[in-house]
């Protein structure tokens, strides 16, 4: 085997390794992007729910404004581009747990 043949063989081996590695790297990259998208969606929905609760907890008038709470949640989650349907309800619990 001459020096030129050895160089061609190494170049072919590098090309083969590259061809086998690229699909794996691509799948890993897509997985990372997908995880980021899911994490962002979860944070946005959590923030929207918190905004709705804060709106309802302002005073006794807003605590019964279920449409207002739903609007706040829908507006806060506008970045998610999903068809979310928030549900508002009134919840009250005493500090001693008696209801």
PDB file of N, CA and C in Angstrom:
ATOM      1  N   UNK A   1       0.855  -1.178   0.000  1.00  0.00           N
ATOM      2  CA  UNK A   1       0.000   0.000   0.000  1.00  0.00           C
ATOM      3  C   UNK A   1       0.898   1.237   0.000  1.00  0.00           C
ATOM      4  N   UNK A   2       0.617   2.137  -0.871  1.00  0.00           N
ATOM      5  CA  UNK A   2       1.418   3.354  -0.966  1.00  0.00           C
ATOM      6  C   UNK A   2       0.831   4.427  -0.061  1.00  0.00           C
ATOM      7  N   UNK A   3       1.571   5.486   0.039  1.00  0.00           N
ATOM      8  CA  UNK A   3       1.144   6.593   0.901  1.00  0.00           C
ATOM      9  C   UNK A   3      -0.155   7.230   0.396  1.00  0.00           C
ATOM     10  N   UNK A   4      -0.361   7.338  -0.888  1.00  0.00           N
ATOM     11  CA  UNK A   4      -1.569   7.927  -1.460  1.00  0.00           C
ATOM     12  C   UNK A   4      -2.798   7.088  -1.187  1.00  0.00           C
ATOM     13  N   UNK A   5      -2.653   5.755  -1.237  1.00  0.00           N
ATOM     14  CA  UNK A   5      -3.784   4.877  -0.952  1.00  0.00           C
ATOM     15  C   UNK A   5      -4.207   4.985   0.513  1.00  0.00           C
ATOM     16  N   UNK A   6      -3.211   5.118   1.397  1.00  0.00           N
ATOM     17  CA  UNK A   6      -3.506   5.245   2.828  1.00  0.00           C
ATOM     18  C   UNK A   6      -4.288   6.532   3.102  1.00  0.00           C
ATOM     19  N   UNK A   7      -3.913   7.603   2.425  1.00  0.00           N
ATOM     20  CA  UNK A   7      -4.604   8.885   2.607  1.00  0.00           C
ATOM     21  C   UNK A   7      -6.051   8.798   2.110  1.00  0.00           C
ATOM     22  N   UNK A   8      -6.287   8.151   0.983  1.00  0.00           N
ATOM     23  CA  UNK A   8      -7.640   7.987   0.459  1.00  0.00           C
ATOM     24  C   UNK A   8      -8.490   7.130   1.387  1.00  0.00           C
ATOM     25  N   UNK A   9      -7.863   6.100   1.965  1.00  0.00           N
ATOM     26  CA  UNK A   9      -8.608   5.220   2.873  1.00  0.00           C
ATOM     27  C   UNK A   9      -9.012   5.974   4.143  1.00  0.00           C
ATOM     28  N   UNK A  10      -8.104   6.787   4.665  1.00  0.00           N
ATOM     29  CA  UNK A  10      -8.423   7.573   5.863  1.00  0.00           C
ATOM     30  C   UNK A  10      -9.527   8.591   5.573  1.00  0.00           C
ATOM     31  N   UNK A  11      -9.442   9.207   4.395  1.00  0.00           N
ATOM     32  CA  UNK A  11     -10.458  10.183   4.026  1.00  0.00           C
ATOM     33  C   UNK A  11     -11.824   9.510   3.880  1.00  0.00           C
ATOM     34  N   UNK A  12     -11.849   8.323   3.316  1.00  0.00           N
ATOM     35  CA  UNK A  12     -13.102   7.578   3.194  1.00  0.00           C
ATOM     36  C   UNK A  12     -13.647   7.171   4.547  1.00  0.00           C
ATOM     37  N   UNK A  13     -12.756   6.810   5.466  1.00  0.00           N
ATOM     38  CA  UNK A  13     -13.180   6.435   6.815  1.00  0.00           C
ATOM     39  C   UNK A  13     -13.766   7.646   7.553  1.00  0.00           C
ATOM     40  N   UNK A  14     -13.132   8.793   7.403  1.00  0.00           N
ATOM     41  CA  UNK A  14     -13.645  10.010   8.044  1.00  0.00           C
ATOM     42  C   UNK A  14     -15.016  10.377   7.488  1.00  0.00           C
ATOM     43  N   UNK A  15     -15.191  10.199   6.185  1.00  0.00           N
ATOM     44  CA  UNK A  15     -16.481  10.493   5.574  1.00  0.00           C
ATOM     45  C   UNK A  15     -17.558   9.534   6.084  1.00  0.00           C
ATOM     46  N   UNK A  16     -17.205   8.277   6.257  1.00  0.00           N
ATOM     47  CA  UNK A  16     -18.146   7.288   6.792  1.00  0.00           C
ATOM     48  C   UNK A  16     -18.530   7.627   8.232  1.00  0.00           C
ATOM     49  N   UNK A  17     -17.539   7.971   9.049  1.00  0.00           N
ATOM     50  CA  UNK A  17     -17.825   8.349  10.439  1.00  0.00           C
ATOM     51  C   UNK A  17     -18.717   9.592  10.491  1.00  0.00           C
ATOM     52  N   UNK A  18     -18.442  10.539   9.614  1.00  0.00           N
ATOM     53  CA  UNK A  18     -19.257  11.750   9.552  1.00  0.00           C
ATOM     54  C   UNK A  18     -20.693  11.412   9.166  1.00  0.00           C
ATOM     55  N   UNK A  19     -20.851  10.539   8.184  1.00  0.00           N
ATOM     56  CA  UNK A  19     -22.188  10.153   7.723  1.00  0.00           C
ATOM     57  C   UNK A  19     -22.961   9.402   8.802  1.00  0.00           C
ATOM     58  N   UNK A  20     -22.273   8.672   9.663  1.00  0.00           N
ATOM     59  CA  UNK A  20     -22.951   7.955  10.746  1.00  0.00           C
ATOM     60  C   UNK A  20     -23.241   8.865  11.939  1.00  0.00           C
ATOM     61  N   UNK A  21     -22.443   9.896  12.120  1.00  0.00           N
ATOM     62  CA  UNK A  21     -22.592  10.780  13.280  1.00  0.00           C
ATOM     63  C   UNK A  21     -23.642  11.867  13.054  1.00  0.00           C
ATOM     64  N   UNK A  22     -23.769  12.374  11.858  1.00  0.00           N
ATOM     65  CA  UNK A  22     -24.691  13.482  11.574  1.00  0.00           C
ATOM     66  C   UNK A  22     -26.138  13.157  11.926  1.00  0.00           C
ATOM     67  N   UNK A  23     -26.693  11.994  11.556  1.00  0.00           N
ATOM     68  CA  UNK A  23     -28.090  11.734  11.948  1.00  0.00           C
ATOM     69  C   UNK A  23     -28.286  11.698  13.462  1.00  0.00           C
ATOM     70  N   UNK A  24     -27.318  11.141  14.176  1.00  0.00           N
ATOM     71  CA  UNK A  24     -27.417  11.100  15.637  1.00  0.00           C
ATOM     72  C   UNK A  24     -27.371  12.513  16.220  1.00  0.00           C
ATOM     73  N   UNK A  25     -26.467  13.338  15.716  1.00  0.00           N
ATOM     74  CA  UNK A  25     -26.376  14.718  16.195  1.00  0.00           C
ATOM     75  C   UNK A  25     -27.650  15.496  15.858  1.00  0.00           C
ATOM     76  N   UNK A  26     -28.212  15.240  14.691  1.00  0.00           N
ATOM     77  CA  UNK A  26     -29.444  15.920  14.285  1.00  0.00           C
ATOM     78  C   UNK A  26     -30.606  15.535  15.195  1.00  0.00           C
ATOM     79  N   UNK A  27     -30.741  14.250  15.494  1.00  0.00           N
ATOM     80  CA  UNK A  27     -31.813  13.790  16.391  1.00  0.00           C
ATOM     81  C   UNK A  27     -31.625  14.378  17.785  1.00  0.00           C
ATOM     82  N   UNK A  28     -30.394  14.431  18.259  1.00  0.00           N
ATOM     83  CA  UNK A  28     -30.114  15.019  19.566  1.00  0.00           C
ATOM     84  C   UNK A  28     -30.478  16.507  19.574  1.00  0.00           C
ATOM     85  N   UNK A  29     -30.134  17.214  18.524  1.00  0.00           N
ATOM     86  CA  UNK A  29     -30.450  18.638  18.421  1.00  0.00           C
ATOM     87  C   UNK A  29     -31.958  18.872  18.399  1.00  0.00           C
ATOM     88  N   UNK A  30     -32.688  18.082  17.634  1.00  0.00           N
ATOM     89  CA  UNK A  30     -34.149  18.211  17.574  1.00  0.00           C
ATOM     90  C   UNK A  30     -34.759  17.902  18.945  1.00  0.00           C
ATOM     91  N   UNK A  31     -34.220  16.914  19.647  1.00  0.00           N
ATOM     92  CA  UNK A  31     -34.704  16.595  20.994  1.00  0.00           C
ATOM     93  C   UNK A  31     -34.497  17.745  21.960  1.00  0.00           C
ATOM     94  N   UNK A  32     -33.361  18.399  21.862  1.00  0.00           N
ATOM     95  CA  UNK A  32     -33.088  19.551  22.728  1.00  0.00           C
ATOM     96  C   UNK A  32     -34.063  20.689  22.424  1.00  0.00           C
ATOM     97  N   UNK A  33     -34.301  20.947  21.145  1.00  0.00           N
ATOM     98  CA  UNK A  33     -35.267  21.989  20.777  1.00  0.00           C
ATOM     99  C   UNK A  33     -36.671  21.654  21.268  1.00  0.00           C
ATOM    100  N   UNK A  34     -37.062  20.407  21.133  1.00  0.00           N
ATOM    101  CA  UNK A  34     -38.396  19.989  21.559  1.00  0.00           C
ATOM    102  C   UNK A  34     -38.545  20.108  23.073  1.00  0.00           C
ATOM    103  N   UNK A  35     -37.508  19.717  23.815  1.00  0.00           N
ATOM    104  CA  UNK A  35     -37.550  19.858  25.269  1.00  0.00           C
ATOM    105  C   UNK A  35     -37.684  21.328  25.657  1.00  0.00           C
ATOM    106  N   UNK A  36     -36.962  22.199  24.992  1.00  0.00           N
ATOM    107  CA  UNK A  36     -37.059  23.631  25.276  1.00  0.00           C
ATOM    108  C   UNK A  36     -38.449  24.174  25.007  1.00  0.00           C
ATOM    109  N   UNK A  37     -39.059  23.719  23.924  1.00  0.00           N
ATOM    110  CA  UNK A  37     -40.419  24.167  23.586  1.00  0.00           C
ATOM    111  C   UNK A  37     -41.422  23.707  24.642  1.00  0.00           C
ATOM    112  N   UNK A  38     -41.303  22.461  25.081  1.00  0.00           N
ATOM    113  CA  UNK A  38     -42.211  21.938  26.107  1.00  0.00           C
ATOM    114  C   UNK A  38     -42.003  22.676  27.428  1.00  0.00           C
ATOM    115  N   UNK A  39     -40.749  22.927  27.791  1.00  0.00           N
ATOM    116  CA  UNK A  39     -40.455  23.635  29.034  1.00  0.00           C
ATOM    117  C   UNK A  39     -40.999  25.064  28.981  1.00  0.00           C
ATOM    118  N   UNK A  40     -40.853  25.738  27.840  1.00  0.00           N
ATOM    119  CA  UNK A  40     -41.377  27.092  27.684  1.00  0.00           C
ATOM    120  C   UNK A  40     -42.902  27.102  27.794  1.00  0.00           C
ATOM    121  N   UNK A  41     -43.554  26.122  27.180  1.00  0.00           N
ATOM    122  CA  UNK A  41     -45.012  26.036  27.246  1.00  0.00           C
ATOM    123  C   UNK A  41     -45.474  25.823  28.681  1.00  0.00           C
ATOM    124  N   UNK A  42     -44.791  24.950  29.409  1.00  0.00           N
ATOM    125  CA  UNK A  42     -45.157  24.694  30.805  1.00  0.00           C
ATOM    126  C   UNK A  42     -44.999  25.958  31.653  1.00  0.00           C
ATOM    127  N   UNK A  43     -43.920  26.695  31.451  1.00  0.00           N
ATOM    128  CA  UNK A  43     -43.720  27.929  32.213  1.00  0.00           C
ATOM    129  C   UNK A  43     -44.777  28.971  31.869  1.00  0.00           C
ATOM    130  N   UNK A  44     -45.134  29.077  30.593  1.00  0.00           N
ATOM    131  CA  UNK A  44     -46.131  30.060  30.171  1.00  0.00           C
ATOM    132  C   UNK A  44     -47.503  29.741  30.740  1.00  0.00           C
ATOM    133  N   UNK A  45     -47.890  28.475  30.713  1.00  0.00           N
ATOM    134  CA  UNK A  45     -49.195  28.081  31.264  1.00  0.00           C
ATOM    135  C   UNK A  45     -49.216  28.298  32.775  1.00  0.00           C
ATOM    136  N   UNK A  46     -48.113  27.990  33.453  1.00  0.00           N
ATOM    137  CA  UNK A  46     -48.037  28.217  34.897  1.00  0.00           C
ATOM    138  C   UNK A  46     -48.154  29.713  35.217  1.00  0.00           C
ATOM    139  N   UNK A  47     -47.476  30.532  34.446  1.00  0.00           N
ATOM    140  CA  UNK A  47     -47.559  31.983  34.645  1.00  0.00           C
ATOM    141  C   UNK A  47     -48.981  32.488  34.389  1.00  0.00           C
ATOM    142  N   UNK A  48     -49.627  31.964  33.364  1.00  0.00           N
ATOM    143  CA  UNK A  48     -50.991  32.388  33.044  1.00  0.00           C
ATOM    144  C   UNK A  48     -51.954  32.015  34.167  1.00  0.00           C
ATOM    145  N   UNK A  49     -51.808  30.819  34.708  1.00  0.00           N
ATOM    146  CA  UNK A  49     -52.671  30.405  35.822  1.00  0.00           C
ATOM    147  C   UNK A  49     -52.444  31.296  37.040  1.00  0.00           C
ATOM    148  N   UNK A  50     -51.187  31.623  37.304  1.00  0.00           N
ATOM    149  CA  UNK A  50     -50.875  32.495  38.438  1.00  0.00           C
ATOM    150  C   UNK A  50     -51.475  33.887  38.227  1.00  0.00           C
ATOM    151  N   UNK A  51     -51.430  34.390  36.995  1.00  0.00           N
ATOM    152  CA  UNK A  51     -52.012  35.705  36.701  1.00  0.00           C
ATOM    153  C   UNK A  51     -53.518  35.693  36.925  1.00  0.00           C
ATOM    154  N   UNK A  52     -54.186  34.605  36.541  1.00  0.00           N
ATOM    155  CA  UNK A  52     -55.624  34.492  36.776  1.00  0.00           C
ATOM    156  C   UNK A  52     -55.962  34.460  38.256  1.00  0.00           C
ATOM    157  N   UNK A  53     -55.154  33.757  39.030  1.00  0.00           N
ATOM    158  CA  UNK A  53     -55.374  33.691  40.485  1.00  0.00           C
ATOM    159  C   UNK A  53     -55.151  35.063  41.114  1.00  0.00           C
ATOM    160  N   UNK A  54     -54.106  35.752  40.684  1.00  0.00           N
ATOM    161  CA  UNK A  54     -53.844  37.082  41.238  1.00  0.00           C
ATOM    162  C   UNK A  54     -54.977  38.052  40.912  1.00  0.00           C
ATOM    163  N   UNK A  55     -55.532  37.942  39.713  1.00  0.00           N
ATOM    164  CA  UNK A  55     -56.665  38.797  39.354  1.00  0.00           C
ATOM    165  C   UNK A  55     -57.858  38.497  40.255  1.00  0.00           C
ATOM    166  N   UNK A  56     -58.160  37.234  40.467  1.00  0.00           N
ATOM    167  CA  UNK A  56     -59.312  36.863  41.286  1.00  0.00           C
ATOM    168  C   UNK A  56     -59.125  37.158  42.758  1.00  0.00           C
ATOM    169  N   UNK A  57     -57.880  37.236  43.215  1.00  0.00           N
ATOM    170  CA  UNK A  57     -57.615  37.453  44.638  1.00  0.00           C
ATOM    171  C   UNK A  57     -57.489  38.929  45.009  1.00  0.00           C
ATOM    172  N   UNK A  58     -57.720  39.828  44.078  1.00  0.00           N
ATOM    173  CA  UNK A  58     -57.555  41.256  44.366  1.00  0.00           C
ATOM    174  C   UNK A  58     -58.537  41.752  45.418  1.00  0.00           C
ATOM    175  N   UNK A  59     -59.808  41.449  45.239  1.00  0.00           N
ATOM    176  CA  UNK A  59     -60.823  41.901  46.193  1.00  0.00           C
ATOM    177  C   UNK A  59     -62.069  41.039  46.016  1.00  0.00           C
ATOM    178  N   UNK A  60     -63.120  41.362  46.769  1.00  0.00           N
ATOM    179  CA  UNK A  60     -64.329  40.531  46.715  1.00  0.00           C
ATOM    180  C   UNK A  60     -65.076  40.677  45.390  1.00  0.00           C
ATOM    181  N   UNK A  61     -64.909  41.785  44.692  1.00  0.00           N
ATOM    182  CA  UNK A  61     -65.574  41.951  43.391  1.00  0.00           C
ATOM    183  C   UNK A  61     -64.926  41.077  42.311  1.00  0.00           C
ATOM    184  N   UNK A  62     -63.601  41.065  42.271  1.00  0.00           N
ATOM    185  CA  UNK A  62     -62.925  40.272  41.241  1.00  0.00           C
ATOM    186  C   UNK A  62     -62.929  38.782  41.564  1.00  0.00           C
ATOM    187  N   UNK A  63     -63.198  38.434  42.818  1.00  0.00           N
ATOM    188  CA  UNK A  63     -63.222  37.004  43.161  1.00  0.00           C
ATOM    189  C   UNK A  63     -64.401  36.280  42.523  1.00  0.00           C
ATOM    190  N   UNK A  64     -65.413  37.017  42.134  1.00  0.00           N
ATOM    191  CA  UNK A  64     -66.555  36.407  41.456  1.00  0.00           C
ATOM    192  C   UNK A  64     -66.584  36.673  39.957  1.00  0.00           C
ATOM    193  N   UNK A  65     -65.586  37.378  39.453  1.00  0.00           N
ATOM    194  CA  UNK A  65     -65.526  37.715  38.024  1.00  0.00           C
ATOM    195  C   UNK A  65     -64.806  36.596  37.264  1.00  0.00           C
ATOM    196  N   UNK A  66     -65.525  35.508  37.023  1.00  0.00           N
ATOM    197  CA  UNK A  66     -64.921  34.347  36.363  1.00  0.00           C
ATOM    198  C   UNK A  66     -64.530  34.654  34.920  1.00  0.00           C
ATOM    199  N   UNK A  67     -65.327  35.459  34.233  1.00  0.00           N
ATOM    200  CA  UNK A  67     -64.993  35.827  32.852  1.00  0.00           C
ATOM    201  C   UNK A  67     -63.707  36.653  32.816  1.00  0.00           C
ATOM    202  N   UNK A  68     -63.551  37.533  33.779  1.00  0.00           N
ATOM    203  CA  UNK A  68     -62.325  38.330  33.859  1.00  0.00           C
ATOM    204  C   UNK A  68     -61.105  37.467  34.119  1.00  0.00           C
ATOM    205  N   UNK A  69     -61.248  36.473  35.011  1.00  0.00           N
ATOM    206  CA  UNK A  69     -60.137  35.556  35.281  1.00  0.00           C
ATOM    207  C   UNK A  69     -59.758  34.780  34.025  1.00  0.00           C
ATOM    208  N   UNK A  70     -60.779  34.302  33.304  1.00  0.00           N
ATOM    209  CA  UNK A  70     -60.504  33.552  32.066  1.00  0.00           C
ATOM    210  C   UNK A  70     -59.810  34.436  31.032  1.00  0.00           C
ATOM    211  N   UNK A  71     -60.236  35.692  30.937  1.00  0.00           N
ATOM    212  CA  UNK A  71     -59.608  36.612  29.983  1.00  0.00           C
ATOM    213  C   UNK A  71     -58.145  36.871  30.336  1.00  0.00           C
ATOM    214  N   UNK A  72     -57.875  37.041  31.621  1.00  0.00           N
ATOM    215  CA  UNK A  72     -56.498  37.278  32.057  1.00  0.00           C
ATOM    216  C   UNK A  72     -55.620  36.075  31.713  1.00  0.00           C
ATOM    217  N   UNK A  73     -56.122  34.878  31.977  1.00  0.00           N
ATOM    218  CA  UNK A  73     -55.353  33.665  31.677  1.00  0.00           C
ATOM    219  C   UNK A  73     -55.136  33.524  30.176  1.00  0.00           C
ATOM    220  N   UNK A  74     -56.167  33.750  29.397  1.00  0.00           N
ATOM    221  CA  UNK A  74     -56.048  33.624  27.938  1.00  0.00           C
ATOM    222  C   UNK A  74     -55.061  34.640  27.376  1.00  0.00           C
ATOM    223  N   UNK A  75     -55.095  35.869  27.874  1.00  0.00           N
ATOM    224  CA  UNK A  75     -54.161  36.894  27.402  1.00  0.00           C
ATOM    225  C   UNK A  75     -52.730  36.596  27.835  1.00  0.00           C
ATOM    226  N   UNK A  76     -52.561  36.068  29.045  1.00  0.00           N
ATOM    227  CA  UNK A  76     -51.214  35.767  29.533  1.00  0.00           C
ATOM    228  C   UNK A  76     -50.596  34.582  28.798  1.00  0.00           C
ATOM    229  N   UNK A  77     -51.424  33.703  28.264  1.00  0.00           N
ATOM    230  CA  UNK A  77     -50.918  32.521  27.559  1.00  0.00           C
ATOM    231  C   UNK A  77     -50.984  32.688  26.048  1.00  0.00           C
ATOM    232  N   UNK A  78     -51.042  33.915  25.571  1.00  0.00           N
ATOM    233  CA  UNK A  78     -51.173  34.147  24.127  1.00  0.00           C
ATOM    234  C   UNK A  78     -49.943  33.689  23.350  1.00  0.00           C
ATOM    235  N   UNK A  79     -48.763  33.666  23.979  1.00  0.00           N
ATOM    236  CA  UNK A  79     -47.532  33.262  23.293  1.00  0.00           C
ATOM    237  C   UNK A  79     -47.476  31.778  22.982  1.00  0.00           C
ATOM    238  N   UNK A  80     -48.294  31.002  23.639  1.00  0.00           N
ATOM    239  CA  UNK A  80     -48.211  29.546  23.505  1.00  0.00           C
ATOM    240  C   UNK A  80     -48.812  29.062  22.192  1.00  0.00           C
ATOM    241  N   UNK A  81     -49.716  29.823  21.608  1.00  0.00           N
ATOM    242  CA  UNK A  81     -50.385  29.444  20.354  1.00  0.00           C
ATOM    243  C   UNK A  81     -51.130  28.122  20.468  1.00  0.00           C
ATOM    244  N   UNK A  82     -51.786  27.923  21.545  1.00  0.00           N
ATOM    245  CA  UNK A  82     -52.600  26.724  21.758  1.00  0.00           C
ATOM    246  C   UNK A  82     -54.026  27.178  22.035  1.00  0.00           C
ATOM    247  N   UNK A  83     -54.951  26.316  21.801  1.00  0.00           N
ATOM    248  CA  UNK A  83     -56.343  26.604  22.142  1.00  0.00           C
ATOM    249  C   UNK A  83     -56.578  26.171  23.579  1.00  0.00           C
ATOM    250  N   UNK A  84     -56.285  27.068  24.510  1.00  0.00           N
ATOM    251  CA  UNK A  84     -56.492  26.736  25.912  1.00  0.00           C
ATOM    252  C   UNK A  84     -57.884  27.186  26.319  1.00  0.00           C
ATOM    253  N   UNK A  85     -58.467  26.448  27.229  1.00  0.00           N
ATOM    254  CA  UNK A  85     -59.785  26.767  27.754  1.00  0.00           C
ATOM    255  C   UNK A  85     -59.681  26.813  29.274  1.00  0.00           C
ATOM    256  N   UNK A  86     -59.389  27.984  29.837  1.00  0.00           N
ATOM    257  CA  UNK A  86     -59.273  28.074  31.290  1.00  0.00           C
ATOM    258  C   UNK A  86     -60.635  27.959  31.966  1.00  0.00           C
ATOM    259  N   UNK A  87     -60.636  27.393  33.139  1.00  0.00           N
ATOM    260  CA  UNK A  87     -61.842  27.263  33.947  1.00  0.00           C
ATOM    261  C   UNK A  87     -61.596  27.972  35.272  1.00  0.00           C
ATOM    262  N   UNK A  88     -62.484  28.858  35.648  1.00  0.00           N
ATOM    263  CA  UNK A  88     -62.344  29.601  36.895  1.00  0.00           C
ATOM    264  C   UNK A  88     -63.365  29.101  37.903  1.00  0.00           C
ATOM    265  N   UNK A  89     -62.959  29.062  39.161  1.00  0.00           N
ATOM    266  CA  UNK A  89     -63.877  28.691  40.237  1.00  0.00           C
ATOM    267  C   UNK A  89     -63.441  29.413  41.504  1.00  0.00           C
ATOM    268  N   UNK A  90     -64.335  29.474  42.449  1.00  0.00           N
ATOM    269  CA  UNK A  90     -64.039  30.116  43.727  1.00  0.00           C
ATOM    270  C   UNK A  90     -63.710  29.029  44.736  1.00  0.00           C
ATOM    271  N   UNK A  91     -62.617  29.236  45.458  1.00  0.00           N
ATOM    272  CA  UNK A  91     -62.173  28.267  46.453  1.00  0.00           C
ATOM    273  C   UNK A  91     -61.812  29.015  47.717  1.00  0.00           C
ATOM    274  N   UNK A  92     -62.295  28.520  48.838  1.00  0.00           N
ATOM    275  CA  UNK A  92     -62.008  29.152  50.113  1.00  0.00           C
ATOM    276  C   UNK A  92     -61.764  28.068  51.152  1.00  0.00           C
ATOM    277  N   UNK A  93     -60.695  28.220  51.913  1.00  0.00           N
ATOM    278  CA  UNK A  93     -60.400  27.252  52.965  1.00  0.00           C
ATOM    279  C   UNK A  93     -59.909  28.008  54.190  1.00  0.00           C
ATOM    280  N   UNK A  94     -60.420  27.631  55.331  1.00  0.00           N
ATOM    281  CA  UNK A  94     -60.003  28.267  56.573  1.00  0.00           C
ATOM    282  C   UNK A  94     -58.600  27.809  56.945  1.00  0.00           C
ATOM    283  N   UNK A  95     -57.930  28.630  57.738  1.00  0.00           N
ATOM    284  CA  UNK A  95     -56.559  28.318  58.133  1.00  0.00           C
ATOM    285  C   UNK A  95     -56.478  27.030  58.941  1.00  0.00           C
ATOM    286  N   UNK A  96     -57.526  26.718  59.717  1.00  0.00           N
ATOM    287  CA  UNK A  96     -57.487  25.492  60.520  1.00  0.00           C
ATOM    288  C   UNK A  96     -57.974  24.279  59.729  1.00  0.00           C
ATOM    289  N   UNK A  97     -58.321  24.465  58.461  1.00  0.00           N
ATOM    290  CA  UNK A  97     -58.733  23.356  57.609  1.00  0.00           C
ATOM    291  C   UNK A  97     -60.175  22.934  57.793  1.00  0.00           C
ATOM    292  N   UNK A  98     -60.977  23.712  58.508  1.00  0.00           N
ATOM    293  CA  UNK A  98     -62.358  23.313  58.777  1.00  0.00           C
ATOM    294  C   UNK A  98     -63.300  23.623  57.614  1.00  0.00           C
ATOM    295  N   UNK A  99     -62.845  24.307  56.605  1.00  0.00           N
ATOM    296  CA  UNK A  99     -63.710  24.574  55.456  1.00  0.00           C
ATOM    297  C   UNK A  99     -63.924  26.003  55.292  1.00  0.00           C
TER     298      UNK A  99
END
